[in-house]
Amino acid sequence: MSVDGLPPRANMFFALYFAMTGLHGVHVLIGMSVLTWVLIKNIRGDFSKEYFTHVELGALYWHLVDLVWIYLFPLLYLVG
């Protein structure tokens, strides 16, 4: 046991935990902003059957962030 009563590598674990969770949170905020922007453009009628690339890219980004969380959750919460 270390001086503060925690296991020897607890500080490193908590540093990685907060860094990875915080970084994921930043990406979630970015994804929410992108999807809100896509929603506003959709309400204005900027998309059509021929032009919907921004919708696809926004969805791909959001699902990438979601997929990363599927791996972060077990790594940080279940293994740690």
PDB file of N, CA and C in Angstrom:
ATOM      1  N   MET A   1       0.841  -1.188   0.000  1.00  0.00           N
ATOM      2  CA  MET A   1       0.000   0.000   0.000  1.00  0.00           C
ATOM      3  C   MET A   1       0.880   1.243   0.000  1.00  0.00           C
ATOM      4  N   SER A   2       0.387   2.244  -0.693  1.00  0.00           N
ATOM      5  CA  SER A   2       1.125   3.495  -0.727  1.00  0.00           C
ATOM      6  C   SER A   2       0.771   4.342   0.492  1.00  0.00           C
ATOM      7  N   VAL A   3       1.378   5.492   0.563  1.00  0.00           N
ATOM      8  CA  VAL A   3       1.221   6.373   1.725  1.00  0.00           C
ATOM      9  C   VAL A   3      -0.231   6.817   1.905  1.00  0.00           C
ATOM     10  N   ASP A   4      -0.933   7.114   0.813  1.00  0.00           N
ATOM     11  CA  ASP A   4      -2.298   7.621   0.927  1.00  0.00           C
ATOM     12  C   ASP A   4      -3.346   6.518   1.063  1.00  0.00           C
ATOM     13  N   GLY A   5      -2.928   5.285   1.208  1.00  0.00           N
ATOM     14  CA  GLY A   5      -3.849   4.185   1.418  1.00  0.00           C
ATOM     15  C   GLY A   5      -4.380   3.548   0.145  1.00  0.00           C
ATOM     16  N   LEU A   6      -3.924   3.992  -0.999  1.00  0.00           N
ATOM     17  CA  LEU A   6      -4.348   3.423  -2.271  1.00  0.00           C
ATOM     18  C   LEU A   6      -3.287   2.463  -2.788  1.00  0.00           C
ATOM     19  N   PRO A   7      -3.662   1.546  -3.652  1.00  0.00           N
ATOM     20  CA  PRO A   7      -2.667   0.656  -4.253  1.00  0.00           C
ATOM     21  C   PRO A   7      -1.607   1.463  -5.006  1.00  0.00           C
ATOM     22  N   PRO A   8      -0.444   0.890  -5.249  1.00  0.00           N
ATOM     23  CA  PRO A   8       0.679   1.625  -5.827  1.00  0.00           C
ATOM     24  C   PRO A   8       0.385   2.334  -7.150  1.00  0.00           C
ATOM     25  N   ARG A   9      -0.380   1.747  -8.038  1.00  0.00           N
ATOM     26  CA  ARG A   9      -0.603   2.355  -9.353  1.00  0.00           C
ATOM     27  C   ARG A   9      -1.974   3.007  -9.474  1.00  0.00           C
ATOM     28  N   ALA A  10      -2.606   3.303  -8.379  1.00  0.00           N
ATOM     29  CA  ALA A  10      -3.947   3.893  -8.418  1.00  0.00           C
ATOM     30  C   ALA A  10      -3.931   5.272  -9.062  1.00  0.00           C
ATOM     31  N   ASN A  11      -2.911   6.061  -8.801  1.00  0.00           N
ATOM     32  CA  ASN A  11      -2.853   7.399  -9.399  1.00  0.00           C
ATOM     33  C   ASN A  11      -2.800   7.334 -10.915  1.00  0.00           C
ATOM     34  N   MET A  12      -2.032   6.382 -11.456  1.00  0.00           N
ATOM     35  CA  MET A  12      -1.949   6.232 -12.901  1.00  0.00           C
ATOM     36  C   MET A  12      -3.305   5.788 -13.461  1.00  0.00           C
ATOM     37  N   PHE A  13      -3.981   4.865 -12.776  1.00  0.00           N
ATOM     38  CA  PHE A  13      -5.290   4.418 -13.232  1.00  0.00           C
ATOM     39  C   PHE A  13      -6.278   5.575 -13.270  1.00  0.00           C
ATOM     40  N   PHE A  14      -6.342   6.350 -12.183  1.00  0.00           N
ATOM     41  CA  PHE A  14      -7.307   7.443 -12.137  1.00  0.00           C
ATOM     42  C   PHE A  14      -6.968   8.544 -13.141  1.00  0.00           C
ATOM     43  N   ALA A  15      -5.695   8.773 -13.390  1.00  0.00           N
ATOM     44  CA  ALA A  15      -5.310   9.753 -14.399  1.00  0.00           C
ATOM     45  C   ALA A  15      -5.783   9.305 -15.782  1.00  0.00           C
ATOM     46  N   LEU A  16      -5.547   8.044 -16.126  1.00  0.00           N
ATOM     47  CA  LEU A  16      -6.016   7.523 -17.411  1.00  0.00           C
ATOM     48  C   LEU A  16      -7.539   7.489 -17.470  1.00  0.00           C
ATOM     49  N   TYR A  17      -8.166   7.126 -16.368  1.00  0.00           N
ATOM     50  CA  TYR A  17      -9.621   7.064 -16.311  1.00  0.00           C
ATOM     51  C   TYR A  17     -10.243   8.423 -16.618  1.00  0.00           C
ATOM     52  N   PHE A  18      -9.792   9.456 -15.931  1.00  0.00           N
ATOM     53  CA  PHE A  18     -10.364  10.776 -16.142  1.00  0.00           C
ATOM     54  C   PHE A  18      -9.967  11.359 -17.504  1.00  0.00           C
ATOM     55  N   ALA A  19      -8.761  11.077 -17.961  1.00  0.00           N
ATOM     56  CA  ALA A  19      -8.339  11.579 -19.269  1.00  0.00           C
ATOM     57  C   ALA A  19      -9.162  10.942 -20.388  1.00  0.00           C
ATOM     58  N   MET A  20      -9.320   9.632 -20.357  1.00  0.00           N
ATOM     59  CA  MET A  20     -10.056   8.946 -21.416  1.00  0.00           C
ATOM     60  C   MET A  20     -11.550   9.262 -21.351  1.00  0.00           C
ATOM     61  N   THR A  21     -12.117   9.316 -20.158  1.00  0.00           N
ATOM     62  CA  THR A  21     -13.525   9.656 -20.027  1.00  0.00           C
ATOM     63  C   THR A  21     -13.764  11.102 -20.446  1.00  0.00           C
ATOM     64  N   GLY A  22     -12.879  12.005 -20.060  1.00  0.00           N
ATOM     65  CA  GLY A  22     -13.015  13.404 -20.450  1.00  0.00           C
ATOM     66  C   GLY A  22     -12.867  13.596 -21.943  1.00  0.00           C
ATOM     67  N   LEU A  23     -11.901  12.908 -22.552  1.00  0.00           N
ATOM     68  CA  LEU A  23     -11.714  13.005 -23.996  1.00  0.00           C
ATOM     69  C   LEU A  23     -12.937  12.470 -24.734  1.00  0.00           C
ATOM     70  N   HIS A  24     -13.493  11.384 -24.230  1.00  0.00           N
ATOM     71  CA  HIS A  24     -14.717  10.857 -24.831  1.00  0.00           C
ATOM     72  C   HIS A  24     -15.858  11.866 -24.686  1.00  0.00           C
ATOM     73  N   GLY A  25     -15.954  12.505 -23.529  1.00  0.00           N
ATOM     74  CA  GLY A  25     -16.991  13.511 -23.316  1.00  0.00           C
ATOM     75  C   GLY A  25     -16.866  14.677 -24.280  1.00  0.00           C
ATOM     76  N   VAL A  26     -15.644  15.103 -24.556  1.00  0.00           N
ATOM     77  CA  VAL A  26     -15.419  16.183 -25.531  1.00  0.00           C
ATOM     78  C   VAL A  26     -15.910  15.749 -26.908  1.00  0.00           C
ATOM     79  N   HIS A  27     -15.615  14.507 -27.283  1.00  0.00           N
ATOM     80  CA  HIS A  27     -16.066  14.018 -28.581  1.00  0.00           C
ATOM     81  C   HIS A  27     -17.589  13.878 -28.635  1.00  0.00           C
ATOM     82  N   VAL A  28     -18.209  13.532 -27.527  1.00  0.00           N
ATOM     83  CA  VAL A  28     -19.677  13.486 -27.482  1.00  0.00           C
ATOM     84  C   VAL A  28     -20.244  14.887 -27.707  1.00  0.00           C
ATOM     85  N   LEU A  29     -19.662  15.892 -27.061  1.00  0.00           N
ATOM     86  CA  LEU A  29     -20.127  17.269 -27.264  1.00  0.00           C
ATOM     87  C   LEU A  29     -19.951  17.709 -28.721  1.00  0.00           C
ATOM     88  N   ILE A  30     -18.827  17.345 -29.323  1.00  0.00           N
ATOM     89  CA  ILE A  30     -18.607  17.661 -30.731  1.00  0.00           C
ATOM     90  C   ILE A  30     -19.659  16.961 -31.592  1.00  0.00           C
ATOM     91  N   GLY A  31     -19.918  15.690 -31.302  1.00  0.00           N
ATOM     92  CA  GLY A  31     -20.921  14.944 -32.059  1.00  0.00           C
ATOM     93  C   GLY A  31     -22.310  15.538 -31.912  1.00  0.00           C
ATOM     94  N   MET A  32     -22.661  15.962 -30.705  1.00  0.00           N
ATOM     95  CA  MET A  32     -23.963  16.587 -30.503  1.00  0.00           C
ATOM     96  C   MET A  32     -24.057  17.901 -31.270  1.00  0.00           C
ATOM     97  N   SER A  33     -22.966  18.635 -31.308  1.00  0.00           N
ATOM     98  CA  SER A  33     -22.948  19.888 -32.064  1.00  0.00           C
ATOM     99  C   SER A  33     -23.112  19.630 -33.562  1.00  0.00           C
ATOM    100  N   VAL A  34     -22.423  18.634 -34.066  1.00  0.00           N
ATOM    101  CA  VAL A  34     -22.523  18.294 -35.486  1.00  0.00           C
ATOM    102  C   VAL A  34     -23.944  17.856 -35.826  1.00  0.00           C
ATOM    103  N   LEU A  35     -24.524  17.006 -34.993  1.00  0.00           N
ATOM    104  CA  LEU A  35     -25.881  16.536 -35.267  1.00  0.00           C
ATOM    105  C   LEU A  35     -26.907  17.657 -35.139  1.00  0.00           C
ATOM    106  N   THR A  36     -26.686  18.599 -34.230  1.00  0.00           N
ATOM    107  CA  THR A  36     -27.569  19.766 -34.129  1.00  0.00           C
ATOM    108  C   THR A  36     -27.450  20.621 -35.384  1.00  0.00           C
ATOM    109  N   TRP A  37     -26.243  20.790 -35.875  1.00  0.00           N
ATOM    110  CA  TRP A  37     -26.014  21.541 -37.113  1.00  0.00           C
ATOM    111  C   TRP A  37     -26.715  20.861 -38.291  1.00  0.00           C
ATOM    112  N   VAL A  38     -26.624  19.528 -38.352  1.00  0.00           N
ATOM    113  CA  VAL A  38     -27.306  18.782 -39.418  1.00  0.00           C
ATOM    114  C   VAL A  38     -28.821  18.950 -39.283  1.00  0.00           C
ATOM    115  N   LEU A  39     -29.340  18.924 -38.062  1.00  0.00           N
ATOM    116  CA  LEU A  39     -30.771  19.110 -37.841  1.00  0.00           C
ATOM    117  C   LEU A  39     -31.228  20.485 -38.323  1.00  0.00           C
ATOM    118  N   ILE A  40     -30.458  21.515 -38.005  1.00  0.00           N
ATOM    119  CA  ILE A  40     -30.808  22.868 -38.438  1.00  0.00           C
ATOM    120  C   ILE A  40     -30.803  22.957 -39.964  1.00  0.00           C
ATOM    121  N   LYS A  41     -29.787  22.372 -40.589  1.00  0.00           N
ATOM    122  CA  LYS A  41     -29.736  22.384 -42.059  1.00  0.00           C
ATOM    123  C   LYS A  41     -30.908  21.600 -42.646  1.00  0.00           C
ATOM    124  N   ASN A  42     -31.316  20.537 -41.976  1.00  0.00           N
ATOM    125  CA  ASN A  42     -32.444  19.747 -42.458  1.00  0.00           C
ATOM    126  C   ASN A  42     -33.754  20.520 -42.331  1.00  0.00           C
ATOM    127  N   ILE A  43     -33.930  21.219 -41.222  1.00  0.00           N
ATOM    128  CA  ILE A  43     -35.136  22.024 -41.036  1.00  0.00           C
ATOM    129  C   ILE A  43     -35.217  23.111 -42.105  1.00  0.00           C
ATOM    130  N   ARG A  44     -34.065  23.678 -42.472  1.00  0.00           N
ATOM    131  CA  ARG A  44     -34.034  24.705 -43.530  1.00  0.00           C
ATOM    132  C   ARG A  44     -34.280  24.113 -44.912  1.00  0.00           C
ATOM    133  N   GLY A  45     -34.194  22.797 -45.032  1.00  0.00           N
ATOM    134  CA  GLY A  45     -34.429  22.141 -46.321  1.00  0.00           C
ATOM    135  C   GLY A  45     -33.212  22.086 -47.211  1.00  0.00           C
ATOM    136  N   ASP A  46     -32.025  22.064 -46.620  1.00  0.00           N
ATOM    137  CA  ASP A  46     -30.791  22.057 -47.414  1.00  0.00           C
ATOM    138  C   ASP A  46     -30.462  20.691 -48.014  1.00  0.00           C
ATOM    139  N   PHE A  47     -31.114  19.630 -47.570  1.00  0.00           N
ATOM    140  CA  PHE A  47     -30.787  18.286 -48.044  1.00  0.00           C
ATOM    141  C   PHE A  47     -31.856  17.793 -49.016  1.00  0.00           C
ATOM    142  N   SER A  48     -31.439  16.920 -49.908  1.00  0.00           N
ATOM    143  CA  SER A  48     -32.352  16.310 -50.873  1.00  0.00           C
ATOM    144  C   SER A  48     -31.906  14.872 -51.112  1.00  0.00           C
ATOM    145  N   LYS A  49     -32.577  14.200 -52.031  1.00  0.00           N
ATOM    146  CA  LYS A  49     -32.185  12.827 -52.368  1.00  0.00           C
ATOM    147  C   LYS A  49     -30.785  12.780 -52.976  1.00  0.00           C
ATOM    148  N   GLU A  50     -30.385  13.847 -53.622  1.00  0.00           N
ATOM    149  CA  GLU A  50     -29.078  13.886 -54.276  1.00  0.00           C
ATOM    150  C   GLU A  50     -27.983  14.428 -53.367  1.00  0.00           C
ATOM    151  N   TYR A  51     -28.351  15.173 -52.326  1.00  0.00           N
ATOM    152  CA  TYR A  51     -27.358  15.849 -51.487  1.00  0.00           C
ATOM    153  C   TYR A  51     -27.667  15.591 -50.011  1.00  0.00           C
ATOM    154  N   PHE A  52     -27.010  14.585 -49.468  1.00  0.00           N
ATOM    155  CA  PHE A  52     -27.205  14.258 -48.054  1.00  0.00           C
ATOM    156  C   PHE A  52     -25.896  13.804 -47.406  1.00  0.00           C
ATOM    157  N   THR A  53     -24.777  14.200 -47.977  1.00  0.00           N
ATOM    158  CA  THR A  53     -23.468  13.778 -47.487  1.00  0.00           C
ATOM    159  C   THR A  53     -23.236  14.194 -46.042  1.00  0.00           C
ATOM    160  N   HIS A  54     -23.670  15.393 -45.666  1.00  0.00           N
ATOM    161  CA  HIS A  54     -23.457  15.861 -44.297  1.00  0.00           C
ATOM    162  C   HIS A  54     -24.205  14.997 -43.285  1.00  0.00           C
ATOM    163  N   VAL A  55     -25.369  14.509 -43.659  1.00  0.00           N
ATOM    164  CA  VAL A  55     -26.136  13.631 -42.768  1.00  0.00           C
ATOM    165  C   VAL A  55     -25.370  12.334 -42.548  1.00  0.00           C
ATOM    166  N   GLU A  56     -24.858  11.756 -43.605  1.00  0.00           N
ATOM    167  CA  GLU A  56     -24.101  10.510 -43.490  1.00  0.00           C
ATOM    168  C   GLU A  56     -22.832  10.700 -42.673  1.00  0.00           C
ATOM    169  N   LEU A  57     -22.104  11.785 -42.919  1.00  0.00           N
ATOM    170  CA  LEU A  57     -20.862  12.019 -42.186  1.00  0.00           C
ATOM    171  C   LEU A  57     -21.130  12.274 -40.707  1.00  0.00           C
ATOM    172  N   GLY A  58     -22.194  13.003 -40.400  1.00  0.00           N
ATOM    173  CA  GLY A  58     -22.554  13.229 -39.000  1.00  0.00           C
ATOM    174  C   GLY A  58     -22.908  11.932 -38.302  1.00  0.00           C
ATOM    175  N   ALA A  59     -23.657  11.076 -38.989  1.00  0.00           N
ATOM    176  CA  ALA A  59     -24.030   9.781 -38.412  1.00  0.00           C
ATOM    177  C   ALA A  59     -22.805   8.883 -38.237  1.00  0.00           C
ATOM    178  N   LEU A  60     -21.896   8.899 -39.211  1.00  0.00           N
ATOM    179  CA  LEU A  60     -20.678   8.088 -39.092  1.00  0.00           C
ATOM    180  C   LEU A  60     -19.829   8.536 -37.905  1.00  0.00           C
ATOM    181  N   TYR A  61     -19.708   9.849 -37.742  1.00  0.00           N
ATOM    182  CA  TYR A  61     -18.926  10.356 -36.608  1.00  0.00           C
ATOM    183  C   TYR A  61     -19.574   9.942 -35.289  1.00  0.00           C
ATOM    184  N   TRP A  62     -20.888  10.112 -35.191  1.00  0.00           N
ATOM    185  CA  TRP A  62     -21.576   9.763 -33.949  1.00  0.00           C
ATOM    186  C   TRP A  62     -21.411   8.277 -33.633  1.00  0.00           C
ATOM    187  N   HIS A  63     -21.520   7.425 -34.623  1.00  0.00           N
ATOM    188  CA  HIS A  63     -21.393   5.990 -34.377  1.00  0.00           C
ATOM    189  C   HIS A  63     -19.945   5.598 -34.086  1.00  0.00           C
ATOM    190  N   LEU A  64     -18.984   6.342 -34.604  1.00  0.00           N
ATOM    191  CA  LEU A  64     -17.593   6.096 -34.233  1.00  0.00           C
ATOM    192  C   LEU A  64     -17.390   6.392 -32.754  1.00  0.00           C
ATOM    193  N   VAL A  65     -17.920   7.518 -32.291  1.00  0.00           N
ATOM    194  CA  VAL A  65     -17.810   7.861 -30.872  1.00  0.00           C
ATOM    195  C   VAL A  65     -18.506   6.796 -30.025  1.00  0.00           C
ATOM    196  N   ASP A  66     -19.655   6.328 -30.481  1.00  0.00           N
ATOM    197  CA  ASP A  66     -20.396   5.290 -29.773  1.00  0.00           C
ATOM    198  C   ASP A  66     -19.606   3.987 -29.737  1.00  0.00           C
ATOM    199  N   LEU A  67     -18.998   3.629 -30.854  1.00  0.00           N
ATOM    200  CA  LEU A  67     -18.221   2.396 -30.924  1.00  0.00           C
ATOM    201  C   LEU A  67     -17.004   2.457 -30.004  1.00  0.00           C
ATOM    202  N   VAL A  68     -16.345   3.597 -29.957  1.00  0.00           N
ATOM    203  CA  VAL A  68     -15.193   3.744 -29.068  1.00  0.00           C
ATOM    204  C   VAL A  68     -15.628   3.535 -27.618  1.00  0.00           C
ATOM    205  N   TRP A  69     -16.814   4.053 -27.250  1.00  0.00           N
ATOM    206  CA  TRP A  69     -17.289   3.904 -25.874  1.00  0.00           C
ATOM    207  C   TRP A  69     -17.551   2.437 -25.532  1.00  0.00           C
ATOM    208  N   ILE A  70     -17.964   1.637 -26.518  1.00  0.00           N
ATOM    209  CA  ILE A  70     -18.193   0.212 -26.277  1.00  0.00           C
ATOM    210  C   ILE A  70     -16.900  -0.457 -25.804  1.00  0.00           C
ATOM    211  N   TYR A  71     -15.759   0.025 -26.288  1.00  0.00           N
ATOM    212  CA  TYR A  71     -14.478  -0.539 -25.861  1.00  0.00           C
ATOM    213  C   TYR A  71     -13.937   0.156 -24.614  1.00  0.00           C
ATOM    214  N   LEU A  72     -14.207   1.436 -24.465  1.00  0.00           N
ATOM    215  CA  LEU A  72     -13.725   2.143 -23.278  1.00  0.00           C
ATOM    216  C   LEU A  72     -14.435   1.691 -22.010  1.00  0.00           C
ATOM    217  N   PHE A  73     -15.737   1.453 -22.104  1.00  0.00           N
ATOM    218  CA  PHE A  73     -16.495   1.086 -20.910  1.00  0.00           C
ATOM    219  C   PHE A  73     -15.925  -0.167 -20.238  1.00  0.00           C
ATOM    220  N   PRO A  74     -15.769  -1.284 -20.949  1.00  0.00           N
ATOM    221  CA  PRO A  74     -15.193  -2.452 -20.257  1.00  0.00           C
ATOM    222  C   PRO A  74     -13.750  -2.217 -19.811  1.00  0.00           C
ATOM    223  N   LEU A  75     -12.993  -1.469 -20.621  1.00  0.00           N
ATOM    224  CA  LEU A  75     -11.599  -1.241 -20.263  1.00  0.00           C
ATOM    225  C   LEU A  75     -11.486  -0.457 -18.963  1.00  0.00           C
ATOM    226  N   LEU A  76     -12.281   0.584 -18.811  1.00  0.00           N
ATOM    227  CA  LEU A  76     -12.155   1.459 -17.647  1.00  0.00           C
ATOM    228  C   LEU A  76     -12.939   0.979 -16.434  1.00  0.00           C
ATOM    229  N   TYR A  77     -14.129   0.467 -16.639  1.00  0.00           N
ATOM    230  CA  TYR A  77     -15.009   0.170 -15.505  1.00  0.00           C
ATOM    231  C   TYR A  77     -14.944  -1.281 -15.062  1.00  0.00           C
ATOM    232  N   LEU A  78     -14.870  -2.208 -16.001  1.00  0.00           N
ATOM    233  CA  LEU A  78     -14.924  -3.608 -15.642  1.00  0.00           C
ATOM    234  C   LEU A  78     -13.561  -4.205 -15.355  1.00  0.00           C
ATOM    235  N   VAL A  79     -12.553  -3.828 -16.117  1.00  0.00           N
ATOM    236  CA  VAL A  79     -11.201  -4.353 -15.918  1.00  0.00           C
ATOM    237  C   VAL A  79     -10.519  -3.626 -14.756  1.00  0.00           C
ATOM    238  N   GLY A  80     -10.716  -2.307 -14.679  1.00  0.00           N
ATOM    239  CA  GLY A  80     -10.056  -1.478 -13.667  1.00  0.00           C
ATOM    240  C   GLY A  80     -10.603  -1.689 -12.364  1.00  0.00           C
TER     241      GLY A  80
END
